Amino acid sequence: MRLAVRVTPKGGRDAVDGWARDPDGRPYLKVRVTAPPADGAANAALTAFLAKTLKRPKSAVRVVSGETARLKILEIEGLDEAELTAAFGAP
């Protein structure tokens, strides 16, 4: 499953701040991480945090688009809509 995520590095804590919509109406998950946006640290923290939250191995979560942008597209192996909704609520 692909998931749009807007990450806030150096956000004070690792947490999910809920859902929002872009100007075109597409939903994305707002996530903050404590890691700084340098040398891929925020991306690594994001994938590790989501893997732990969704009870997946770290290797099952990867950034497929937006490596250096705040809005990223993640690929999460083995995740379905019901599990996503159970973890983060409905988009």
PDB file of N, CA and C in Angstrom:
ATOM      1  N   MET A   1       0.838  -1.172   0.000  1.00  0.00           N
ATOM      2  CA  MET A   1       0.000   0.000   0.000  1.00  0.00           C
ATOM      3  C   MET A   1       0.886   1.239   0.000  1.00  0.00           C
ATOM      4  N   ARG A   2       0.458   2.258  -0.715  1.00  0.00           N
ATOM      5  CA  ARG A   2       1.160   3.537  -0.720  1.00  0.00           C
ATOM      6  C   ARG A   2       0.436   4.507   0.202  1.00  0.00           C
ATOM      7  N   LEU A   3       1.248   5.270   0.937  1.00  0.00           N
ATOM      8  CA  LEU A   3       0.711   6.202   1.923  1.00  0.00           C
ATOM      9  C   LEU A   3       1.423   7.535   1.781  1.00  0.00           C
ATOM     10  N   ALA A   4       0.656   8.613   1.641  1.00  0.00           N
ATOM     11  CA  ALA A   4       1.228   9.957   1.604  1.00  0.00           C
ATOM     12  C   ALA A   4       1.409  10.438   3.038  1.00  0.00           C
ATOM     13  N   VAL A   5       2.601  10.965   3.327  1.00  0.00           N
ATOM     14  CA  VAL A   5       2.940  11.412   4.678  1.00  0.00           C
ATOM     15  C   VAL A   5       3.611  12.775   4.581  1.00  0.00           C
ATOM     16  N   ARG A   6       3.213  13.696   5.451  1.00  0.00           N
ATOM     17  CA  ARG A   6       3.917  14.972   5.585  1.00  0.00           C
ATOM     18  C   ARG A   6       4.677  14.915   6.894  1.00  0.00           C
ATOM     19  N   VAL A   7       5.994  14.966   6.801  1.00  0.00           N
ATOM     20  CA  VAL A   7       6.835  14.802   7.982  1.00  0.00           C
ATOM     21  C   VAL A   7       7.344  16.162   8.455  1.00  0.00           C
ATOM     22  N   THR A   8       7.384  16.313   9.784  1.00  0.00           N
ATOM     23  CA  THR A   8       7.958  17.493  10.414  1.00  0.00           C
ATOM     24  C   THR A   8       9.172  17.044  11.209  1.00  0.00           C
ATOM     25  N   PRO A   9      10.379  17.297  10.692  1.00  0.00           N
ATOM     26  CA  PRO A   9      11.584  16.918  11.435  1.00  0.00           C
ATOM     27  C   PRO A   9      11.793  17.855  12.621  1.00  0.00           C
ATOM     28  N   LYS A  10      12.556  17.389  13.604  1.00  0.00           N
ATOM     29  CA  LYS A  10      12.817  18.140  14.835  1.00  0.00           C
ATOM     30  C   LYS A  10      11.499  18.586  15.469  1.00  0.00           C
ATOM     31  N   GLY A  11      10.524  17.678  15.474  1.00  0.00           N
ATOM     32  CA  GLY A  11       9.185  17.990  15.955  1.00  0.00           C
ATOM     33  C   GLY A  11       8.995  17.834  17.447  1.00  0.00           C
ATOM     34  N   GLY A  12      10.049  17.574  18.198  1.00  0.00           N
ATOM     35  CA  GLY A  12       9.940  17.481  19.649  1.00  0.00           C
ATOM     36  C   GLY A  12       9.669  16.084  20.162  1.00  0.00           C
ATOM     37  N   ARG A  13       8.976  15.286  19.372  1.00  0.00           N
ATOM     38  CA  ARG A  13       8.674  13.896  19.748  1.00  0.00           C
ATOM     39  C   ARG A  13       8.264  13.145  18.490  1.00  0.00           C
ATOM     40  N   ASP A  14       8.305  11.827  18.563  1.00  0.00           N
ATOM     41  CA  ASP A  14       7.820  11.011  17.458  1.00  0.00           C
ATOM     42  C   ASP A  14       6.329  10.787  17.685  1.00  0.00           C
ATOM     43  N   ALA A  15       5.503  11.299  16.781  1.00  0.00           N
ATOM     44  CA  ALA A  15       4.057  11.194  16.967  1.00  0.00           C
ATOM     45  C   ALA A  15       3.324  11.390  15.646  1.00  0.00           C
ATOM     46  N   VAL A  16       2.105  10.865  15.607  1.00  0.00           N
ATOM     47  CA  VAL A  16       1.198  11.082  14.482  1.00  0.00           C
ATOM     48  C   VAL A  16       0.239  12.188  14.892  1.00  0.00           C
ATOM     49  N   ASP A  17       0.114  13.197  14.030  1.00  0.00           N
ATOM     50  CA  ASP A  17      -0.757  14.338  14.321  1.00  0.00           C
ATOM     51  C   ASP A  17      -2.083  14.275  13.574  1.00  0.00           C
ATOM     52  N   GLY A  18      -2.395  13.129  12.990  1.00  0.00           N
ATOM     53  CA  GLY A  18      -3.684  12.958  12.323  1.00  0.00           C
ATOM     54  C   GLY A  18      -3.606  13.160  10.824  1.00  0.00           C
ATOM     55  N   TRP A  19      -4.775  13.255  10.222  1.00  0.00           N
ATOM     56  CA  TRP A  19      -4.909  13.359   8.771  1.00  0.00           C
ATOM     57  C   TRP A  19      -5.168  14.800   8.358  1.00  0.00           C
ATOM     58  N   ALA A  20      -4.765  15.136   7.159  1.00  0.00           N
ATOM     59  CA  ALA A  20      -5.072  16.420   6.528  1.00  0.00           C
ATOM     60  C   ALA A  20      -5.256  16.152   5.034  1.00  0.00           C
ATOM     61  N   ARG A  21      -5.654  17.198   4.310  1.00  0.00           N
ATOM     62  CA  ARG A  21      -5.842  17.062   2.863  1.00  0.00           C
ATOM     63  C   ARG A  21      -5.042  18.147   2.146  1.00  0.00           C
ATOM     64  N   ASP A  22      -4.483  17.766   0.988  1.00  0.00           N
ATOM     65  CA  ASP A  22      -3.752  18.741   0.184  1.00  0.00           C
ATOM     66  C   ASP A  22      -4.763  19.600  -0.586  1.00  0.00           C
ATOM     67  N   PRO A  23      -4.305  20.617  -1.309  1.00  0.00           N
ATOM     68  CA  PRO A  23      -5.248  21.483  -2.038  1.00  0.00           C
ATOM     69  C   PRO A  23      -6.127  20.747  -3.048  1.00  0.00           C
ATOM     70  N   ASP A  24      -5.679  19.589  -3.517  1.00  0.00           N
ATOM     71  CA  ASP A  24      -6.481  18.801  -4.458  1.00  0.00           C
ATOM     72  C   ASP A  24      -7.428  17.834  -3.760  1.00  0.00           C
ATOM     73  N   GLY A  25      -7.432  17.824  -2.419  1.00  0.00           N
ATOM     74  CA  GLY A  25      -8.340  16.971  -1.669  1.00  0.00           C
ATOM     75  C   GLY A  25      -7.816  15.590  -1.347  1.00  0.00           C
ATOM     76  N   ARG A  26      -6.535  15.321  -1.667  1.00  0.00           N
ATOM     77  CA  ARG A  26      -5.953  14.006  -1.374  1.00  0.00           C
ATOM     78  C   ARG A  26      -5.506  13.955   0.080  1.00  0.00           C
ATOM     79  N   PRO A  27      -5.825  12.876   0.795  1.00  0.00           N
ATOM     80  CA  PRO A  27      -5.436  12.787   2.203  1.00  0.00           C
ATOM     81  C   PRO A  27      -3.957  12.450   2.376  1.00  0.00           C
ATOM     82  N   TYR A  28      -3.382  12.984   3.457  1.00  0.00           N
ATOM     83  CA  TYR A  28      -2.029  12.609   3.858  1.00  0.00           C
ATOM     84  C   TYR A  28      -1.963  12.570   5.374  1.00  0.00           C
ATOM     85  N   LEU A  29      -1.069  11.758   5.884  1.00  0.00           N
ATOM     86  CA  LEU A  29      -0.877  11.587   7.314  1.00  0.00           C
ATOM     87  C   LEU A  29       0.193  12.561   7.787  1.00  0.00           C
ATOM     88  N   LYS A  30      -0.090  13.301   8.858  1.00  0.00           N
ATOM     89  CA  LYS A  30       0.887  14.234   9.420  1.00  0.00           C
ATOM     90  C   LYS A  30       1.658  13.514  10.530  1.00  0.00           C
ATOM     91  N   VAL A  31       2.986  13.484  10.391  1.00  0.00           N
ATOM     92  CA  VAL A  31       3.847  12.795  11.354  1.00  0.00           C
ATOM     93  C   VAL A  31       4.994  13.726  11.734  1.00  0.00           C
ATOM     94  N   ARG A  32       5.333  13.750  13.021  1.00  0.00           N
ATOM     95  CA  ARG A  32       6.511  14.490  13.466  1.00  0.00           C
ATOM     96  C   ARG A  32       7.531  13.506  14.025  1.00  0.00           C
ATOM     97  N   VAL A  33       8.795  13.819  13.808  1.00  0.00           N
ATOM     98  CA  VAL A  33       9.891  12.995  14.329  1.00  0.00           C
ATOM     99  C   VAL A  33      10.906  13.910  15.005  1.00  0.00           C
ATOM    100  N   THR A  34      11.661  13.368  15.939  1.00  0.00           N
ATOM    101  CA  THR A  34      12.657  14.160  16.658  1.00  0.00           C
ATOM    102  C   THR A  34      13.931  14.360  15.857  1.00  0.00           C
ATOM    103  N   ALA A  35      14.183  13.513  14.879  1.00  0.00           N
ATOM    104  CA  ALA A  35      15.422  13.560  14.104  1.00  0.00           C
ATOM    105  C   ALA A  35      15.497  14.814  13.236  1.00  0.00           C
ATOM    106  N   PRO A  36      16.715  15.321  13.012  1.00  0.00           N
ATOM    107  CA  PRO A  36      16.878  16.488  12.133  1.00  0.00           C
ATOM    108  C   PRO A  36      16.790  16.081  10.666  1.00  0.00           C
ATOM    109  N   PRO A  37      16.531  17.057   9.782  1.00  0.00           N
ATOM    110  CA  PRO A  37      16.402  16.752   8.355  1.00  0.00           C
ATOM    111  C   PRO A  37      17.751  16.717   7.645  1.00  0.00           C
ATOM    112  N   ALA A  38      18.720  16.034   8.208  1.00  0.00           N
ATOM    113  CA  ALA A  38      20.061  15.989   7.616  1.00  0.00           C
ATOM    114  C   ALA A  38      20.501  14.546   7.417  1.00  0.00           C
ATOM    115  N   ASP A  39      21.154  14.291   6.296  1.00  0.00           N
ATOM    116  CA  ASP A  39      21.739  12.981   5.995  1.00  0.00           C
ATOM    117  C   ASP A  39      20.742  11.830   6.081  1.00  0.00           C
ATOM    118  N   GLY A  40      19.478  12.090   5.781  1.00  0.00           N
ATOM    119  CA  GLY A  40      18.474  11.034   5.784  1.00  0.00           C
ATOM    120  C   GLY A  40      17.998  10.606   7.156  1.00  0.00           C
ATOM    121  N   ALA A  41      18.399  11.337   8.202  1.00  0.00           N
ATOM    122  CA  ALA A  41      18.023  10.952   9.566  1.00  0.00           C
ATOM    123  C   ALA A  41      16.515  11.011   9.782  1.00  0.00           C
ATOM    124  N   ALA A  42      15.861  12.041   9.254  1.00  0.00           N
ATOM    125  CA  ALA A  42      14.408  12.162   9.431  1.00  0.00           C
ATOM    126  C   ALA A  42      13.679  11.045   8.687  1.00  0.00           C
ATOM    127  N   ASN A  43      14.149  10.689   7.491  1.00  0.00           N
ATOM    128  CA  ASN A  43      13.527   9.590   6.745  1.00  0.00           C
ATOM    129  C   ASN A  43      13.684   8.274   7.499  1.00  0.00           C
ATOM    130  N   ALA A  44      14.872   8.032   8.043  1.00  0.00           N
ATOM    131  CA  ALA A  44      15.100   6.800   8.808  1.00  0.00           C
ATOM    132  C   ALA A  44      14.223   6.757  10.049  1.00  0.00           C
ATOM    133  N   ALA A  45      14.106   7.890  10.736  1.00  0.00           N
ATOM    134  CA  ALA A  45      13.255   7.950  11.933  1.00  0.00           C
ATOM    135  C   ALA A  45      11.787   7.745  11.563  1.00  0.00           C
ATOM    136  N   LEU A  46      11.371   8.334  10.449  1.00  0.00           N
ATOM    137  CA  LEU A  46       9.987   8.188   9.986  1.00  0.00           C
ATOM    138  C   LEU A  46       9.657   6.731   9.681  1.00  0.00           C
ATOM    139  N   THR A  47      10.501   6.072   8.897  1.00  0.00           N
ATOM    140  CA  THR A  47      10.212   4.682   8.534  1.00  0.00           C
ATOM    141  C   THR A  47      10.264   3.769   9.755  1.00  0.00           C
ATOM    142  N   ALA A  48      11.207   4.011  10.661  1.00  0.00           N
ATOM    143  CA  ALA A  48      11.287   3.187  11.874  1.00  0.00           C
ATOM    144  C   ALA A  48      10.058   3.395  12.758  1.00  0.00           C
ATOM    145  N   PHE A  49       9.627   4.650  12.913  1.00  0.00           N
ATOM    146  CA  PHE A  49       8.456   4.957  13.739  1.00  0.00           C
ATOM    147  C   PHE A  49       7.184   4.323  13.163  1.00  0.00           C
ATOM    148  N   LEU A  50       6.986   4.474  11.852  1.00  0.00           N
ATOM    149  CA  LEU A  50       5.782   3.889  11.244  1.00  0.00           C
ATOM    150  C   LEU A  50       5.823   2.370  11.266  1.00  0.00           C
ATOM    151  N   ALA A  51       6.995   1.784  11.056  1.00  0.00           N
ATOM    152  CA  ALA A  51       7.111   0.326  11.132  1.00  0.00           C
ATOM    153  C   ALA A  51       6.730  -0.169  12.519  1.00  0.00           C
ATOM    154  N   LYS A  52       7.222   0.500  13.548  1.00  0.00           N
ATOM    155  CA  LYS A  52       6.897   0.101  14.918  1.00  0.00           C
ATOM    156  C   LYS A  52       5.406   0.297  15.207  1.00  0.00           C
ATOM    157  N   THR A  53       4.861   1.431  14.792  1.00  0.00           N
ATOM    158  CA  THR A  53       3.444   1.730  15.025  1.00  0.00           C
ATOM    159  C   THR A  53       2.530   0.732  14.320  1.00  0.00           C
ATOM    160  N   LEU A  54       2.904   0.340  13.103  1.00  0.00           N
ATOM    161  CA  LEU A  54       2.082  -0.571  12.306  1.00  0.00           C
ATOM    162  C   LEU A  54       2.451  -2.041  12.505  1.00  0.00           C
ATOM    163  N   LYS A  55       3.417  -2.297  13.415  1.00  0.00           N
ATOM    164  CA  LYS A  55       3.858  -3.668  13.722  1.00  0.00           C
ATOM    165  C   LYS A  55       4.341  -4.393  12.465  1.00  0.00           C
ATOM    166  N   ARG A  56       5.234  -3.715  11.748  1.00  0.00           N
ATOM    167  CA  ARG A  56       5.854  -4.254  10.544  1.00  0.00           C
ATOM    168  C   ARG A  56       7.365  -4.211  10.731  1.00  0.00           C
ATOM    169  N   PRO A  57       8.105  -5.069  10.022  1.00  0.00           N
ATOM    170  CA  PRO A  57       9.566  -4.937  10.064  1.00  0.00           C
ATOM    171  C   PRO A  57       9.984  -3.635   9.375  1.00  0.00           C
ATOM    172  N   LYS A  58      11.106  -3.074   9.792  1.00  0.00           N
ATOM    173  CA  LYS A  58      11.591  -1.827   9.192  1.00  0.00           C
ATOM    174  C   LYS A  58      11.760  -1.951   7.687  1.00  0.00           C
ATOM    175  N   SER A  59      12.125  -3.142   7.229  1.00  0.00           N
ATOM    176  CA  SER A  59      12.342  -3.352   5.797  1.00  0.00           C
ATOM    177  C   SER A  59      11.047  -3.290   4.985  1.00  0.00           C
ATOM    178  N   ALA A  60       9.888  -3.346   5.655  1.00  0.00           N
ATOM    179  CA  ALA A  60       8.604  -3.316   4.958  1.00  0.00           C
ATOM    180  C   ALA A  60       8.125  -1.890   4.683  1.00  0.00           C
ATOM    181  N   VAL A  61       8.820  -0.896   5.229  1.00  0.00           N
ATOM    182  CA  VAL A  61       8.426   0.508   5.053  1.00  0.00           C
ATOM    183  C   VAL A  61       9.570   1.237   4.365  1.00  0.00           C
ATOM    184  N   ARG A  62       9.273   1.842   3.203  1.00  0.00           N
ATOM    185  CA  ARG A  62      10.327   2.577   2.513  1.00  0.00           C
ATOM    186  C   ARG A  62       9.758   3.810   1.820  1.00  0.00           C
ATOM    187  N   VAL A  63      10.587   4.813   1.682  1.00  0.00           N
ATOM    188  CA  VAL A  63      10.223   6.043   0.982  1.00  0.00           C
ATOM    189  C   VAL A  63      10.418   5.805  -0.513  1.00  0.00           C
ATOM    190  N   VAL A  64       9.348   5.983  -1.287  1.00  0.00           N
ATOM    191  CA  VAL A  64       9.457   5.779  -2.730  1.00  0.00           C
ATOM    192  C   VAL A  64       9.434   7.099  -3.498  1.00  0.00           C
ATOM    193  N   SER A  65       9.040   8.177  -2.845  1.00  0.00           N
ATOM    194  CA  SER A  65       9.004   9.482  -3.491  1.00  0.00           C
ATOM    195  C   SER A  65       9.121  10.569  -2.424  1.00  0.00           C
ATOM    196  N   GLY A  66       9.864  11.628  -2.746  1.00  0.00           N
ATOM    197  CA  GLY A  66       9.973  12.752  -1.821  1.00  0.00           C
ATOM    198  C   GLY A  66      11.078  12.619  -0.802  1.00  0.00           C
ATOM    199  N   GLU A  67      12.198  12.001  -1.173  1.00  0.00           N
ATOM    200  CA  GLU A  67      13.323  11.800  -0.245  1.00  0.00           C
ATOM    201  C   GLU A  67      13.716  13.080   0.487  1.00  0.00           C
ATOM    202  N   THR A  68      13.742  14.220  -0.222  1.00  0.00           N
ATOM    203  CA  THR A  68      14.187  15.469   0.389  1.00  0.00           C
ATOM    204  C   THR A  68      13.044  16.452   0.621  1.00  0.00           C
ATOM    205  N   ALA A  69      11.827  16.043   0.369  1.00  0.00           N
ATOM    206  CA  ALA A  69      10.663  16.918   0.558  1.00  0.00           C
ATOM    207  C   ALA A  69       9.940  16.562   1.851  1.00  0.00           C
ATOM    208  N   ARG A  70       9.124  17.477   2.326  1.00  0.00           N
ATOM    209  CA  ARG A  70       8.330  17.175   3.518  1.00  0.00           C
ATOM    210  C   ARG A  70       7.203  16.189   3.205  1.00  0.00           C
ATOM    211  N   LEU A  71       6.614  16.316   2.016  1.00  0.00           N
ATOM    212  CA  LEU A  71       5.547  15.399   1.613  1.00  0.00           C
ATOM    213  C   LEU A  71       6.179  14.215   0.905  1.00  0.00           C
ATOM    214  N   LYS A  72       5.984  13.036   1.469  1.00  0.00           N
ATOM    215  CA  LYS A  72       6.606  11.816   0.966  1.00  0.00           C
ATOM    216  C   LYS A  72       5.538  10.781   0.629  1.00  0.00           C
ATOM    217  N   ILE A  73       5.887   9.887  -0.261  1.00  0.00           N
ATOM    218  CA  ILE A  73       5.056   8.723  -0.539  1.00  0.00           C
ATOM    219  C   ILE A  73       5.820   7.513  -0.007  1.00  0.00           C
ATOM    220  N   LEU A  74       5.178   6.767   0.884  1.00  0.00           N
ATOM    221  CA  LEU A  74       5.789   5.578   1.455  1.00  0.00           C
ATOM    222  C   LEU A  74       5.109   4.338   0.905  1.00  0.00           C
ATOM    223  N   GLU A  75       5.878   3.299   0.717  1.00  0.00           N
ATOM    224  CA  GLU A  75       5.367   1.984   0.333  1.00  0.00           C
ATOM    225  C   GLU A  75       5.451   1.118   1.583  1.00  0.00           C
ATOM    226  N   ILE A  76       4.312   0.561   1.991  1.00  0.00           N
ATOM    227  CA  ILE A  76       4.273  -0.287   3.186  1.00  0.00           C
ATOM    228  C   ILE A  76       3.755  -1.651   2.771  1.00  0.00           C
ATOM    229  N   GLU A  77       4.631  -2.634   2.838  1.00  0.00           N
ATOM    230  CA  GLU A  77       4.284  -3.988   2.400  1.00  0.00           C
ATOM    231  C   GLU A  77       3.322  -4.653   3.385  1.00  0.00           C
ATOM    232  N   GLY A  78       2.312  -5.312   2.838  1.00  0.00           N
ATOM    233  CA  GLY A  78       1.402  -6.113   3.639  1.00  0.00           C
ATOM    234  C   GLY A  78       0.366  -5.336   4.427  1.00  0.00           C
ATOM    235  N   LEU A  79       0.227  -4.047   4.174  1.00  0.00           N
ATOM    236  CA  LEU A  79      -0.738  -3.226   4.909  1.00  0.00           C
ATOM    237  C   LEU A  79      -2.002  -3.071   4.081  1.00  0.00           C
ATOM    238  N   ASP A  80      -3.163  -3.186   4.728  1.00  0.00           N
ATOM    239  CA  ASP A  80      -4.421  -2.952   4.029  1.00  0.00           C
ATOM    240  C   ASP A  80      -5.159  -1.774   4.662  1.00  0.00           C
ATOM    241  N   GLU A  81      -6.234  -1.349   4.019  1.00  0.00           N
ATOM    242  CA  GLU A  81      -7.001  -0.181   4.474  1.00  0.00           C
ATOM    243  C   GLU A  81      -7.514  -0.344   5.908  1.00  0.00           C
ATOM    244  N   ALA A  82      -7.965  -1.541   6.266  1.00  0.00           N
ATOM    245  CA  ALA A  82      -8.520  -1.766   7.606  1.00  0.00           C
ATOM    246  C   ALA A  82      -7.444  -1.561   8.682  1.00  0.00           C
ATOM    247  N   GLU A  83      -6.242  -2.075   8.429  1.00  0.00           N
ATOM    248  CA  GLU A  83      -5.145  -1.898   9.388  1.00  0.00           C
ATOM    249  C   GLU A  83      -4.725  -0.442   9.501  1.00  0.00           C
ATOM    250  N   LEU A  84      -4.713   0.256   8.369  1.00  0.00           N
ATOM    251  CA  LEU A  84      -4.371   1.677   8.357  1.00  0.00           C
ATOM    252  C   LEU A  84      -5.392   2.478   9.167  1.00  0.00           C
ATOM    253  N   THR A  85      -6.658   2.218   8.955  1.00  0.00           N
ATOM    254  CA  THR A  85      -7.724   2.910   9.673  1.00  0.00           C
ATOM    255  C   THR A  85      -7.670   2.583  11.169  1.00  0.00           C
ATOM    256  N   ALA A  86      -7.384   1.322  11.514  1.00  0.00           N
ATOM    257  CA  ALA A  86      -7.290   0.933  12.915  1.00  0.00           C
ATOM    258  C   ALA A  86      -6.148   1.660  13.611  1.00  0.00           C
ATOM    259  N   ALA A  87      -5.041   1.862  12.906  1.00  0.00           N
ATOM    260  CA  ALA A  87      -3.871   2.504  13.512  1.00  0.00           C
ATOM    261  C   ALA A  87      -4.003   4.014  13.606  1.00  0.00           C
ATOM    262  N   PHE A  88      -4.555   4.665  12.576  1.00  0.00           N
ATOM    263  CA  PHE A  88      -4.539   6.122  12.517  1.00  0.00           C
ATOM    264  C   PHE A  88      -5.916   6.766  12.352  1.00  0.00           C
ATOM    265  N   GLY A  89      -6.971   6.003  12.308  1.00  0.00           N
ATOM    266  CA  GLY A  89      -8.295   6.558  12.076  1.00  0.00           C
ATOM    267  C   GLY A  89      -8.553   6.693  10.585  1.00  0.00           C
ATOM    268  N   ALA A  90      -9.741   7.115  10.249  1.00  0.00           N
ATOM    269  CA  ALA A  90     -10.118   7.250   8.832  1.00  0.00           C
ATOM    270  C   ALA A  90      -9.540   8.529   8.257  1.00  0.00           C
ATOM    271  N   PRO A  91      -9.043   8.472   7.027  1.00  0.00           N
ATOM    272  CA  PRO A  91      -8.501   9.692   6.402  1.00  0.00           C
ATOM    273  C   PRO A  91      -9.576  10.696   6.047  1.00  0.00           C
TER     274      PRO A  91
END
